[in-house]
Amino acid sequence: MKAVSISCGNNHSLVLFETDKQQQVLYSVGNKIGSEFAHLGPSEELCENEDLPFREISVFNDRKLDDFLAHWNASITIMNGSKQATENLYVHKLPENKVSKGLLHFFKKGDKWTFIPQEEYEARKSELPALSFAIKCPIEDIA
């Protein structure tokens, strides 16, 4: 294995290695400071051996890392993949197993909530009362 990239934080460092088969392996390097483990990323069980200051972060073994950063008390990774981070970001789950994307208008009439999905807005905007809600980010258990 050869080291291809490194990021040094205040209490730990991250080192990205590449194997002979072009696979990436990420390690966290750090020593115990008081009762805190400064090498962030691996499971706590892997961190219990104080004589071993480096540990493989195996959760990334089947992924391609584009970049990473060891910071003060956190590690940040940027992974390469086929999905976008925004994929299904604004998907609302409505009553009767309906699904809607984008801006969702809703209001309460009597004891019942009424939902107007973005795709129905133009045709139904006259139904909206003076006080109504519109959200883009979903609310869990909205219905």
Foldseek 3Di string as FASTA:
>chain_A
DAWDDKADEPFKIKTWDADPVRWIWIKIFGADDVPDTSRPQDDVVVRPPRVDRMDINCVCRVWAWPDKYDYHRDIDTHTDDDDDPCVVQQWEQDPPRDIAAFKKKWDDDDNDIDIQGPVRCVVCVVVDDPDIDIDRGYDPPPD
